[in-house]
C-alpha atoms as a PDB file:
ATOM      1  CA  MET A   1       0.000   0.000   0.000  1.00  0.00           C
ATOM      2  CA  PRO A   2       1.185   3.567  -0.623  1.00  0.00           C
ATOM      3  CA  GLU A   3       2.894   5.597   2.051  1.00  0.00           C
ATOM      4  CA  GLN A   4       0.921   8.352   3.707  1.00  0.00           C
ATOM      5  CA  PRO A   5       0.992  11.615   1.701  1.00  0.00           C
ATOM      6  CA  GLY A   6       4.318  13.445   1.840  1.00  0.00           C
ATOM      7  CA  ALA A   7       6.379  10.475   3.022  1.00  0.00           C
ATOM      8  CA  VAL A   8      10.154  10.987   2.999  1.00  0.00           C
ATOM      9  CA  TRP A   9      12.434   8.045   2.229  1.00  0.00           C
ATOM     10  CA  ILE A  10      16.152   7.683   2.831  1.00  0.00           C
ATOM     11  CA  ILE A  11      18.104   4.904   1.142  1.00  0.00           C
ATOM     12  CA  VAL A  12      20.358   3.180   3.651  1.00  0.00           C
ATOM     13  CA  GLU A  13      24.053   2.586   3.092  1.00  0.00           C
ATOM     14  CA  GLN A  14      25.912   0.183   5.311  1.00  0.00           C
ATOM     15  CA  ASN A  15      29.496  -0.920   5.769  1.00  0.00           C
ATOM     16  CA  GLY A  16      29.240  -4.546   6.716  1.00  0.00           C
ATOM     17  CA  SER A  17      27.174  -4.632   9.897  1.00  0.00           C
ATOM     18  CA  MET A  18      27.469  -0.888  10.522  1.00  0.00           C
ATOM     19  CA  LEU A  19      25.344   1.956   9.234  1.00  0.00           C
ATOM     20  CA  ALA A  20      27.265   4.497   7.177  1.00  0.00           C
ATOM     21  CA  GLU A  21      27.507   7.890   8.878  1.00  0.00           C
ATOM     22  CA  VAL A  22      25.768   9.550   5.950  1.00  0.00           C
ATOM     23  CA  THR A  23      22.679   7.392   6.519  1.00  0.00           C
ATOM     24  CA  LEU A  24      22.250   8.872   9.986  1.00  0.00           C
ATOM     25  CA  GLU A  25      22.827  12.368   8.598  1.00  0.00           C
ATOM     26  CA  LEU A  26      20.082  11.790   6.021  1.00  0.00           C
ATOM     27  CA  LEU A  27      17.708  10.582   8.737  1.00  0.00           C
ATOM     28  CA  GLY A  28      18.179  13.828  10.635  1.00  0.00           C
ATOM     29  CA  LYS A  29      17.465  15.955   7.559  1.00  0.00           C
ATOM     30  CA  ALA A  30      14.537  13.734   6.547  1.00  0.00           C
ATOM     31  CA  ARG A  31      12.883  14.381   9.905  1.00  0.00           C
ATOM     32  CA  GLU A  32      13.245  18.132   9.350  1.00  0.00           C
ATOM     33  CA  LEU A  33      11.721  17.873   5.878  1.00  0.00           C
ATOM     34  CA  ALA A  34       8.860  15.714   7.127  1.00  0.00           C
ATOM     35  CA  ALA A  35       8.047  18.278   9.805  1.00  0.00           C
ATOM     36  CA  LEU A  36       8.126  21.125   7.277  1.00  0.00           C
ATOM     37  CA  GLY A  37       5.892  19.117   4.966  1.00  0.00           C
ATOM     38  CA  GLY A  38       3.192  18.575   7.556  1.00  0.00           C
ATOM     39  CA  GLY A  39       4.534  15.890   9.851  1.00  0.00           C
ATOM     40  CA  SER A  40       4.648  12.958   7.412  1.00  0.00           C
ATOM     41  CA  HIS A  41       6.468   9.725   8.083  1.00  0.00           C
ATOM     42  CA  VAL A  42      10.167   9.067   7.529  1.00  0.00           C
ATOM     43  CA  SER A  43      11.001   5.655   6.124  1.00  0.00           C
ATOM     44  CA  ALA A  44      14.432   4.061   5.798  1.00  0.00           C
ATOM     45  CA  VAL A  45      14.841   1.565   2.948  1.00  0.00           C
ATOM     46  CA  LEU A  46      17.294  -1.205   3.806  1.00  0.00           C
ATOM     47  CA  LEU A  47      18.463  -3.649   1.126  1.00  0.00           C
ATOM     48  CA  GLY A  48      20.928  -6.447   1.787  1.00  0.00           C
ATOM     49  CA  ASN A  49      21.458  -9.892   3.222  1.00  0.00           C
ATOM     50  CA  ASN A  50      21.450 -10.607   6.965  1.00  0.00           C
ATOM     51  CA  THR A  51      21.338  -6.898   7.766  1.00  0.00           C
ATOM     52  CA  GLY A  52      17.984  -6.895   9.587  1.00  0.00           C
ATOM     53  CA  ILE A  53      19.742  -6.105  12.856  1.00  0.00           C
ATOM     54  CA  LEU A  54      20.230  -2.575  11.556  1.00  0.00           C
ATOM     55  CA  ALA A  55      16.474  -1.890  11.516  1.00  0.00           C
ATOM     56  CA  GLY A  56      16.399  -1.109  15.227  1.00  0.00           C
ATOM     57  CA  GLU A  57      19.266   1.358  14.910  1.00  0.00           C
ATOM     58  CA  LEU A  58      17.481   3.156  12.102  1.00  0.00           C
ATOM     59  CA  ILE A  59      14.382   3.584  14.258  1.00  0.00           C
ATOM     60  CA  VAL A  60      16.211   4.940  17.312  1.00  0.00           C
ATOM     61  CA  HIS A  61      17.960   7.422  15.008  1.00  0.00           C
ATOM     62  CA  GLY A  62      14.729   8.784  13.572  1.00  0.00           C
ATOM     63  CA  ALA A  63      13.011   6.370  11.163  1.00  0.00           C
ATOM     64  CA  ASP A  64       9.264   5.844  11.665  1.00  0.00           C
ATOM     65  CA  LYS A  65       9.338   2.853   9.323  1.00  0.00           C
ATOM     66  CA  VAL A  66      12.013   0.544   7.984  1.00  0.00           C
ATOM     67  CA  ILE A  67      11.218  -1.071   4.638  1.00  0.00           C
ATOM     68  CA  PHE A  68      13.477  -4.086   4.615  1.00  0.00           C
ATOM     69  CA  ILE A  69      14.473  -6.681   2.015  1.00  0.00           C
ATOM     70  CA  ASP A  70      16.697  -9.548   3.129  1.00  0.00           C
ATOM     71  CA  ASP A  71      17.908 -11.516   0.106  1.00  0.00           C
ATOM     72  CA  PRO A  72      21.220 -13.257  -0.732  1.00  0.00           C
ATOM     73  CA  ARG A  73      21.090 -11.672  -4.191  1.00  0.00           C
ATOM     74  CA  LEU A  74      21.495  -8.288  -2.514  1.00  0.00           C
ATOM     75  CA  GLU A  75      24.466  -9.176  -0.327  1.00  0.00           C
ATOM     76  CA  LEU A  76      26.880  -7.236  -2.536  1.00  0.00           C
ATOM     77  CA  TYR A  77      25.851  -3.962  -4.091  1.00  0.00           C
ATOM     78  CA  GLN A  78      25.227  -4.097  -7.845  1.00  0.00           C
ATOM     79  CA  ASN A  79      23.657  -1.173  -9.619  1.00  0.00           C
ATOM     80  CA  ASP A  80      21.373  -3.246 -11.863  1.00  0.00           C
ATOM     81  CA  THR A  81      19.873  -5.479  -9.152  1.00  0.00           C
ATOM     82  CA  TYR A  82      19.557  -2.711  -6.556  1.00  0.00           C
ATOM     83  CA  GLY A  83      18.088  -0.420  -9.205  1.00  0.00           C
ATOM     84  CA  LEU A  84      15.394  -2.915 -10.176  1.00  0.00           C
ATOM     85  CA  VAL A  85      14.401  -3.656  -6.589  1.00  0.00           C
ATOM     86  CA  LEU A  86      14.344  -0.055  -5.464  1.00  0.00           C
ATOM     87  CA  THR A  87      12.347   1.092  -8.493  1.00  0.00           C
ATOM     88  CA  GLU A  88       9.655  -1.494  -7.727  1.00  0.00           C
ATOM     89  CA  LEU A  89       9.520  -0.413  -4.087  1.00  0.00           C
ATOM     90  CA  VAL A  90       9.035   3.234  -5.069  1.00  0.00           C
ATOM     91  CA  LYS A  91       6.263   2.317  -7.517  1.00  0.00           C
ATOM     92  CA  LYS A  92       4.511   0.273  -4.846  1.00  0.00           C
ATOM     93  CA  HIS A  93       4.741   2.712  -1.914  1.00  0.00           C
ATOM     94  CA  ARG A  94       4.819   6.030  -3.834  1.00  0.00           C
ATOM     95  CA  PRO A  95       6.868   8.234  -1.457  1.00  0.00           C
ATOM     96  CA  GLU A  96       6.965  11.986  -2.028  1.00  0.00           C
ATOM     97  CA  ILE A  97      10.716  12.408  -1.519  1.00  0.00           C
ATOM     98  CA  VAL A  98      13.620   9.940  -1.835  1.00  0.00           C
ATOM     99  CA  LEU A  99      17.082  10.846  -0.530  1.00  0.00           C
ATOM    100  CA  PHE A 100      20.376   9.125  -1.351  1.00  0.00           C
ATOM    101  CA  SER A 101      23.955   9.622  -0.290  1.00  0.00           C
ATOM    102  CA  ALA A 102      26.135  11.226  -2.951  1.00  0.00           C
ATOM    103  CA  SER A 103      28.743   8.519  -2.366  1.00  0.00           C
ATOM    104  CA  TYR A 104      30.044   6.558  -5.355  1.00  0.00           C
ATOM    105  CA  CYS A 105      27.350   3.896  -4.973  1.00  0.00           C
ATOM    106  CA  GLY A 106      24.603   6.356  -4.033  1.00  0.00           C
ATOM    107  CA  SER A 107      25.343   8.636  -6.980  1.00  0.00           C
ATOM    108  CA  GLU A 108      25.180   5.717  -9.390  1.00  0.00           C
ATOM    109  CA  LEU A 109      22.068   4.151  -7.868  1.00  0.00           C
ATOM    110  CA  SER A 110      20.107   7.399  -7.578  1.00  0.00           C
ATOM    111  CA  ALA A 111      20.681   8.222 -11.254  1.00  0.00           C
ATOM    112  CA  THR A 112      19.610   4.722 -12.304  1.00  0.00           C
ATOM    113  CA  VAL A 113      16.404   4.800 -10.270  1.00  0.00           C
ATOM    114  CA  ALA A 114      15.510   8.337 -11.384  1.00  0.00           C
ATOM    115  CA  ALA A 115      15.892   7.298 -15.029  1.00  0.00           C
ATOM    116  CA  LYS A 116      13.707   4.210 -14.531  1.00  0.00           C
ATOM    117  CA  LEU A 117      11.022   6.281 -12.800  1.00  0.00           C
ATOM    118  CA  GLU A 118      11.335   9.122 -15.332  1.00  0.00           C
ATOM    119  CA  THR A 119      11.578  11.704 -12.583  1.00  0.00           C
ATOM    120  CA  GLY A 120      14.077  14.404 -11.694  1.00  0.00           C
ATOM    121  CA  LEU A 121      17.206  14.097  -9.578  1.00  0.00           C
ATOM    122  CA  ALA A 122      19.373  16.839  -8.093  1.00  0.00           C
ATOM    123  CA  ALA A 123      22.852  15.440  -7.447  1.00  0.00           C
ATOM    124  CA  HIS A 124      25.424  16.410  -4.809  1.00  0.00           C
ATOM    125  CA  CYS A 125      23.094  18.711  -2.889  1.00  0.00           C
ATOM    126  CA  VAL A 126      24.546  20.816  -0.087  1.00  0.00           C
ATOM    127  CA  ASP A 127      21.180  21.652   1.491  1.00  0.00           C
ATOM    128  CA  LEU A 128      17.489  20.707   1.312  1.00  0.00           C
ATOM    129  CA  ASN A 129      14.339  22.546   2.317  1.00  0.00           C
ATOM    130  CA  ILE A 130      10.582  22.730   1.712  1.00  0.00           C
ATOM    131  CA  ASN A 131       9.112  25.873   0.149  1.00  0.00           C
ATOM    132  CA  ASP A 132       5.670  27.382   0.740  1.00  0.00           C
ATOM    133  CA  ARG A 133       4.255  25.302  -2.135  1.00  0.00           C
ATOM    134  CA  GLY A 134       5.335  22.104  -0.431  1.00  0.00           C
ATOM    135  CA  GLU A 135       8.079  21.417  -2.993  1.00  0.00           C
ATOM    136  CA  LEU A 136      11.495  20.057  -2.154  1.00  0.00           C
ATOM    137  CA  VAL A 137      14.127  22.785  -2.582  1.00  0.00           C
ATOM    138  CA  GLN A 138      17.365  21.116  -3.658  1.00  0.00           C
ATOM    139  CA  VAL A 139      20.391  23.377  -3.228  1.00  0.00           C
ATOM    140  CA  VAL A 140      23.380  22.621  -5.445  1.00  0.00           C
ATOM    141  CA  PRO A 141      26.606  24.461  -6.340  1.00  0.00           C
ATOM    142  CA  ALA A 142      26.596  26.030  -9.800  1.00  0.00           C
ATOM    143  CA  PHE A 143      29.067  27.786 -12.124  1.00  0.00           C
ATOM    144  CA  GLY A 144      32.067  25.979 -10.687  1.00  0.00           C
ATOM    145  CA  GLY A 145      30.906  26.468  -7.115  1.00  0.00           C
ATOM    146  CA  MET A 146      30.708  30.252  -7.390  1.00  0.00           C
ATOM    147  CA  VAL A 147      26.977  30.349  -6.581  1.00  0.00           C
ATOM    148  CA  LEU A 148      24.341  28.081  -5.087  1.00  0.00           C
ATOM    149  CA  GLY A 149      21.257  27.264  -7.154  1.00  0.00           C
ATOM    150  CA  ASP A 150      17.805  25.970  -6.164  1.00  0.00           C
ATOM    151  CA  ILE A 151      16.423  23.020  -8.137  1.00  0.00           C
ATOM    152  CA  PHE A 152      12.762  21.937  -8.107  1.00  0.00           C
ATOM    153  CA  CYS A 153      10.841  18.974  -9.491  1.00  0.00           C
ATOM    154  CA  PRO A 154       7.330  20.487  -9.731  1.00  0.00           C
ATOM    155  CA  ILE A 155       5.537  17.795 -11.740  1.00  0.00           C
ATOM    156  CA  GLU A 156       7.033  14.309 -11.556  1.00  0.00           C
ATOM    157  CA  ARG A 157       7.216  12.245  -8.375  1.00  0.00           C
ATOM    158  CA  PRO A 158       9.037  11.263  -6.339  1.00  0.00           C
ATOM    159  CA  GLN A 159      11.336  14.220  -5.850  1.00  0.00           C
ATOM    160  CA  MET A 160      14.826  12.776  -5.618  1.00  0.00           C
ATOM    161  CA  ALA A 161      18.146  14.123  -4.389  1.00  0.00           C
ATOM    162  CA  SER A 162      21.582  12.865  -3.470  1.00  0.00           C
ATOM    163  CA  VAL A 163      23.415  14.593  -0.628  1.00  0.00           C
ATOM    164  CA  LYS A 164      27.110  14.856   0.096  1.00  0.00           C
ATOM    165  CA  PRO A 165      28.289  13.027   3.225  1.00  0.00           C
ATOM    166  CA  GLY A 166      29.039  15.394   6.077  1.00  0.00           C
ATOM    167  CA  MET A 167      26.551  18.104   5.094  1.00  0.00           C
ATOM    168  CA  PHE A 168      24.064  17.481   7.925  1.00  0.00           C
ATOM    169  CA  SER A 169      24.314  16.680  11.612  1.00  0.00           C
ATOM    170  CA  LYS A 170      23.400  13.234  12.921  1.00  0.00           C
ATOM    171  CA  PRO A 171      20.316  13.053  15.164  1.00  0.00           C
ATOM    172  CA  ASP A 172      20.731  11.962  18.755  1.00  0.00           C
ATOM    173  CA  ARG A 173      20.076   8.299  19.477  1.00  0.00           C
ATOM    174  CA  ASP A 174      16.680   7.980  21.201  1.00  0.00           C
ATOM    175  CA  THR A 175      16.066   4.496  22.612  1.00  0.00           C
ATOM    176  CA  THR A 176      12.468   5.387  23.528  1.00  0.00           C
ATOM    177  CA  ARG A 177      11.463   5.658  19.851  1.00  0.00           C
ATOM    178  CA  THR A 178       9.367   2.914  18.304  1.00  0.00           C
ATOM    179  CA  GLY A 179       8.678   2.196  14.682  1.00  0.00           C
ATOM    180  CA  GLU A 180       7.367  -0.288  12.155  1.00  0.00           C
ATOM    181  CA  VAL A 181       9.458  -2.791  10.198  1.00  0.00           C
ATOM    182  CA  ILE A 182       7.924  -3.779   6.859  1.00  0.00           C
ATOM    183  CA  LYS A 183       9.487  -6.811   5.200  1.00  0.00           C
ATOM    184  CA  GLU A 184       9.336  -6.909   1.407  1.00  0.00           C
ATOM    185  CA  THR A 185      10.695  -9.390  -1.143  1.00  0.00           C
ATOM    186  CA  ALA A 186      12.958  -9.061  -4.171  1.00  0.00           C
ATOM    187  CA  SER A 187      10.632 -11.047  -6.434  1.00  0.00           C
ATOM    188  CA  ILE A 188      11.483  -8.717  -9.321  1.00  0.00           C
ATOM    189  CA  LEU A 189      14.840 -10.522  -9.454  1.00  0.00           C
ATOM    190  CA  ASP A 190      13.268 -13.964  -9.952  1.00  0.00           C
ATOM    191  CA  GLY A 191      14.552 -15.224 -13.285  1.00  0.00           C
ATOM    192  CA  TYR A 192      16.713 -12.137 -13.794  1.00  0.00           C
ATOM    193  CA  GLU A 193      20.194 -12.877 -15.108  1.00  0.00           C
ATOM    194  CA  SER A 194      22.528 -10.025 -14.323  1.00  0.00           C
ATOM    195  CA  PRO A 195      25.240  -9.281 -16.906  1.00  0.00           C
ATOM    196  CA  LEU A 196      27.447  -8.356 -13.951  1.00  0.00           C
ATOM    197  CA  LYS A 197      28.982 -10.550 -11.301  1.00  0.00           C
ATOM    198  CA  ALA A 198      30.190  -9.030  -8.038  1.00  0.00           C
ATOM    199  CA  VAL A 199      33.035 -11.149  -6.730  1.00  0.00           C
ATOM    200  CA  ARG A 200      33.982  -9.332  -3.546  1.00  0.00           C
ATOM    201  CA  VAL A 201      34.265  -5.922  -1.980  1.00  0.00           C
ATOM    202  CA  VAL A 202      37.741  -4.614  -1.172  1.00  0.00           C
ATOM    203  CA  GLN A 203      37.916  -1.562   1.069  1.00  0.00           C
ATOM    204  CA  LYS A 204      41.180   0.337   1.342  1.00  0.00           C
ATOM    205  CA  GLN A 205      41.476   2.959   4.032  1.00  0.00           C
ATOM    206  CA  PRO A 206      43.911   5.824   3.432  1.00  0.00           C
ATOM    207  CA  ALA A 207      46.809   5.954   5.860  1.00  0.00           C
ATOM    208  CA  GLY A 208      46.625   8.362   8.757  1.00  0.00           C
ATOM    209  CA  LEU A 209      43.765  10.083  10.533  1.00  0.00           C
ATOM    210  CA  PRO A 210      40.587  10.406   8.403  1.00  0.00           C
ATOM    211  CA  LEU A 211      40.021  14.015   7.417  1.00  0.00           C
ATOM    212  CA  GLU A 212      36.453  14.166   8.727  1.00  0.00           C
ATOM    213  CA  LYS A 213      37.493  12.867  12.169  1.00  0.00           C
ATOM    214  CA  ALA A 214      40.463  15.190  12.723  1.00  0.00           C
ATOM    215  CA  ALA A 215      40.167  17.876  15.405  1.00  0.00           C
ATOM    216  CA  THR A 216      42.666  19.966  13.431  1.00  0.00           C
ATOM    217  CA  VAL A 217      42.642  20.211   9.638  1.00  0.00           C
ATOM    218  CA  VAL A 218      45.558  21.753   7.754  1.00  0.00           C
ATOM    219  CA  ALA A 219      44.376  22.636   4.255  1.00  0.00           C
ATOM    220  CA  GLY A 220      46.446  23.630   1.255  1.00  0.00           C
ATOM    221  CA  GLY A 221      45.505  25.376  -1.957  1.00  0.00           C
ATOM    222  CA  TRP A 222      47.149  26.463  -5.185  1.00  0.00           C
ATOM    223  CA  GLY A 223      49.197  29.111  -3.377  1.00  0.00           C
ATOM    224  CA  VAL A 224      51.239  26.517  -1.475  1.00  0.00           C
ATOM    225  CA  GLY A 225      53.035  24.998  -4.452  1.00  0.00           C
ATOM    226  CA  GLN A 226      54.530  21.568  -4.953  1.00  0.00           C
ATOM    227  CA  ASP A 227      57.869  22.228  -3.252  1.00  0.00           C
ATOM    228  CA  THR A 228      56.231  23.600  -0.097  1.00  0.00           C
ATOM    229  CA  TRP A 229      53.496  20.959   0.147  1.00  0.00           C
ATOM    230  CA  PRO A 230      55.505  18.535   2.364  1.00  0.00           C
ATOM    231  CA  TYR A 231      55.482  21.203   5.088  1.00  0.00           C
ATOM    232  CA  LEU A 232      51.706  20.773   5.363  1.00  0.00           C
ATOM    233  CA  ASN A 233      52.148  17.090   6.178  1.00  0.00           C
ATOM    234  CA  GLN A 234      54.748  17.976   8.801  1.00  0.00           C
ATOM    235  CA  LEU A 235      52.486  20.617  10.342  1.00  0.00           C
ATOM    236  CA  ALA A 236      49.505  18.266  10.461  1.00  0.00           C
ATOM    237  CA  GLY A 237      51.682  15.669  12.170  1.00  0.00           C
ATOM    238  CA  ALA A 238      52.940  18.185  14.717  1.00  0.00           C
ATOM    239  CA  LEU A 239      49.346  19.201  15.502  1.00  0.00           C
ATOM    240  CA  SER A 240      47.955  15.629  15.492  1.00  0.00           C
ATOM    241  CA  GLY A 241      45.722  16.618  12.592  1.00  0.00           C
ATOM    242  CA  ALA A 242      45.043  15.727   8.965  1.00  0.00           C
ATOM    243  CA  VAL A 243      45.838  17.379   5.631  1.00  0.00           C
ATOM    244  CA  GLY A 244      43.087  18.539   3.283  1.00  0.00           C
ATOM    245  CA  CYS A 245      43.262  20.254  -0.080  1.00  0.00           C
ATOM    246  CA  THR A 246      41.408  22.215  -2.730  1.00  0.00           C
ATOM    247  CA  ARG A 247      40.612  20.934  -6.230  1.00  0.00           C
ATOM    248  CA  PRO A 248      43.589  22.678  -7.943  1.00  0.00           C
ATOM    249  CA  ALA A 249      46.041  21.131  -5.477  1.00  0.00           C
ATOM    250  CA  LEU A 250      44.503  17.713  -6.058  1.00  0.00           C
ATOM    251  CA  ASP A 251      44.593  18.098  -9.839  1.00  0.00           C
ATOM    252  CA  GLU A 252      48.295  18.976  -9.654  1.00  0.00           C
ATOM    253  CA  GLY A 253      48.968  15.753  -7.742  1.00  0.00           C
ATOM    254  CA  TRP A 254      50.277  17.463  -4.609  1.00  0.00           C
ATOM    255  CA  ALA A 255      47.687  15.832  -2.330  1.00  0.00           C
ATOM    256  CA  GLU A 256      47.509  12.080  -1.771  1.00  0.00           C
ATOM    257  CA  GLY A 257      44.096  11.478  -3.333  1.00  0.00           C
ATOM    258  CA  GLU A 258      40.397  12.325  -3.627  1.00  0.00           C
ATOM    259  CA  HIS A 259      39.875  11.487   0.048  1.00  0.00           C
ATOM    260  CA  ALA A 260      41.791  14.662   0.959  1.00  0.00           C
ATOM    261  CA  MET A 261      39.698  17.134  -1.043  1.00  0.00           C
ATOM    262  CA  ILE A 262      37.421  19.533   0.851  1.00  0.00           C
ATOM    263  CA  GLY A 263      34.487  21.063  -0.984  1.00  0.00           C
ATOM    264  CA  THR A 264      31.214  20.461  -2.744  1.00  0.00           C
ATOM    265  CA  SER A 265      32.593  17.509  -4.721  1.00  0.00           C
ATOM    266  CA  GLY A 266      34.839  16.390  -1.868  1.00  0.00           C
ATOM    267  CA  LYS A 267      34.443  16.089   1.883  1.00  0.00           C
ATOM    268  CA  THR A 268      32.716  18.326   4.378  1.00  0.00           C
ATOM    269  CA  VAL A 269      34.682  18.880   7.593  1.00  0.00           C
ATOM    270  CA  ARG A 270      33.834  20.502  10.930  1.00  0.00           C
ATOM    271  CA  PRO A 271      37.108  20.402  12.906  1.00  0.00           C
ATOM    272  CA  GLN A 272      37.814  22.345  16.052  1.00  0.00           C
ATOM    273  CA  VAL A 273      40.510  24.227  14.102  1.00  0.00           C
ATOM    274  CA  TYR A 274      40.857  24.689  10.341  1.00  0.00           C
ATOM    275  CA  ILE A 275      44.133  26.235   9.124  1.00  0.00           C
ATOM    276  CA  GLY A 276      44.289  27.108   5.436  1.00  0.00           C
ATOM    277  CA  PHE A 277      47.435  27.957   3.473  1.00  0.00           C
ATOM    278  CA  GLY A 278      47.239  29.466   0.006  1.00  0.00           C
ATOM    279  CA  VAL A 279      43.487  28.781  -0.242  1.00  0.00           C
ATOM    280  CA  SER A 280      41.733  31.383  -2.392  1.00  0.00           C
ATOM    281  CA  GLY A 281      38.261  30.752  -1.008  1.00  0.00           C
ATOM    282  CA  SER A 282      35.990  29.608  -3.845  1.00  0.00           C
ATOM    283  CA  THR A 283      32.398  28.799  -2.889  1.00  0.00           C
ATOM    284  CA  HIS A 284      33.194  25.207  -3.852  1.00  0.00           C
ATOM    285  CA  HIS A 285      35.773  24.894  -1.056  1.00  0.00           C
ATOM    286  CA  ILE A 286      34.030  27.107   1.520  1.00  0.00           C
ATOM    287  CA  ALA A 287      30.932  24.888   1.422  1.00  0.00           C
ATOM    288  CA  GLY A 288      33.073  22.051   2.758  1.00  0.00           C
ATOM    289  CA  MET A 289      34.699  23.846   5.729  1.00  0.00           C
ATOM    290  CA  LYS A 290      32.538  26.840   6.713  1.00  0.00           C
ATOM    291  CA  ASP A 291      31.198  25.114   9.835  1.00  0.00           C
ATOM    292  CA  SER A 292      34.640  24.627  11.398  1.00  0.00           C
ATOM    293  CA  LYS A 293      34.792  25.952  14.979  1.00  0.00           C
ATOM    294  CA  VAL A 294      37.829  28.225  14.438  1.00  0.00           C
ATOM    295  CA  ILE A 295      38.959  29.190  10.927  1.00  0.00           C
ATOM    296  CA  ILE A 296      42.499  30.499  10.353  1.00  0.00           C
ATOM    297  CA  ASN A 297      43.805  31.381   6.909  1.00  0.00           C
ATOM    298  CA  ILE A 298      47.155  32.458   5.494  1.00  0.00           C
ATOM    299  CA  ASN A 299      47.238  34.011   2.030  1.00  0.00           C
ATOM    300  CA  LYS A 300      49.511  36.596   0.455  1.00  0.00           C
ATOM    301  CA  ASP A 301      46.519  38.176  -1.327  1.00  0.00           C
ATOM    302  CA  PRO A 302      44.751  40.579   1.100  1.00  0.00           C
ATOM    303  CA  GLU A 303      41.641  40.454  -1.125  1.00  0.00           C
ATOM    304  CA  ALA A 304      41.332  36.649  -1.104  1.00  0.00           C
ATOM    305  CA  PRO A 305      37.667  35.664  -0.543  1.00  0.00           C
ATOM    306  CA  ILE A 306      38.718  33.110   2.084  1.00  0.00           C
ATOM    307  CA  PHE A 307      39.301  35.929   4.579  1.00  0.00           C
ATOM    308  CA  GLN A 308      35.564  36.692   4.528  1.00  0.00           C
ATOM    309  CA  VAL A 309      34.842  33.427   6.372  1.00  0.00           C
ATOM    310  CA  SER A 310      37.953  33.464   8.591  1.00  0.00           C
ATOM    311  CA  ASP A 311      38.113  34.097  12.327  1.00  0.00           C
ATOM    312  CA  TYR A 312      41.825  34.899  12.025  1.00  0.00           C
ATOM    313  CA  GLY A 313      43.976  35.675   9.001  1.00  0.00           C
ATOM    314  CA  ALA A 314      47.501  36.615   8.039  1.00  0.00           C
ATOM    315  CA  VAL A 315      48.556  38.260   4.781  1.00  0.00           C
ATOM    316  CA  VAL A 316      51.828  36.466   4.133  1.00  0.00           C
ATOM    317  CA  ASP A 317      53.246  33.959   1.664  1.00  0.00           C
ATOM    318  CA  ALA A 318      52.617  30.410   2.951  1.00  0.00           C
ATOM    319  CA  LYS A 319      55.962  29.364   1.485  1.00  0.00           C
ATOM    320  CA  GLU A 320      57.707  31.740   3.883  1.00  0.00           C
ATOM    321  CA  LEU A 321      55.530  31.135   6.928  1.00  0.00           C
ATOM    322  CA  LEU A 322      55.347  27.334   7.010  1.00  0.00           C
ATOM    323  CA  PRO A 323      59.056  26.651   7.723  1.00  0.00           C
ATOM    324  CA  LEU A 324      59.093  29.320  10.447  1.00  0.00           C
ATOM    325  CA  LEU A 325      55.900  27.979  11.991  1.00  0.00           C
ATOM    326  CA  LEU A 326      57.261  24.441  12.133  1.00  0.00           C
ATOM    327  CA  LYS A 327      60.461  25.733  13.731  1.00  0.00           C
ATOM    328  CA  LYS A 328      58.505  27.572  16.446  1.00  0.00           C
ATOM    329  CA  ILE A 329      56.332  24.539  17.161  1.00  0.00           C
ATOM    330  CA  GLY A 330      59.451  22.382  17.487  1.00  0.00           C
ATOM    331  CA  GLU A 331      61.028  24.851  19.896  1.00  0.00           C
ATOM    332  CA  HIS A 332      57.861  24.962  21.984  1.00  0.00           C
ATOM    333  CA  LYS A 333      57.728  21.172  22.252  1.00  0.00           C
ATOM    334  CA  GLU A 334      61.354  21.030  23.415  1.00  0.00           C
ATOM    335  CA  LYS A 335      60.621  23.201  26.423  1.00  0.00           C
END
């Protein structure tokens, strides 16, 4: 049977027997949207094999319902099988809004399902809201991250969006919450022969402290330069932090990989202290670090936009400051 009018769905991602952090973030935002839309239900859609234990965690984190399919054919994520199953679920229950993570899998799956349903999808959203017409407002970076644009899907349903991990806060765990678990089947896969075969999942974690969990983030932009970049790693080590970067620094190969990029197409961080060196301050990057507790920036350009969101700033060449800063930190630690 269909969901009650205005129902908001979030599509669950899990890492083994653990819920992905972005799933909890989506639950928190879904509850806000449901309240703005008139208090409708929030449902979490959980696909997998032997993952039913996660249903309780989804409820205590904000789900009113968990729509659950437990099937060996869904043990490993495959876009074609997950896309078929999820499309059938949406057709059956007819939710108003469906939210995905903008992770690699979520970005692929959301696009597949939107195409099958012939509805719209706003990808890599940085915010979501409900307007006075009851429409989902999907906020995305535009023109290279220089501005933020609002996207609507006024006719087709459901309204679908994928959201970058780290954009929203996780709701508190409330063990007094109760909810409904609805078990569905993957009968759409009966007789289906997938052209793909998932053999195994290999997860490789980058060395060092994950950027999103660091209390101190040292970020570098184009103004740092290749020769000076190693100083950022030394500074992050001295401060027990992690190194982040902007898109130009990543494209030049100075940073270690995509996992280090901060911005609308990278990670969102909220460290206790963010220290930027040679970061110009494009909207693309600012969207990923603006909620840091204390923001410090060093740039030789006094007109750099990054200073507009900084708590403290210094107009100086990062190439000159970094060696001196490391020397002073070393002297302080020797005392």
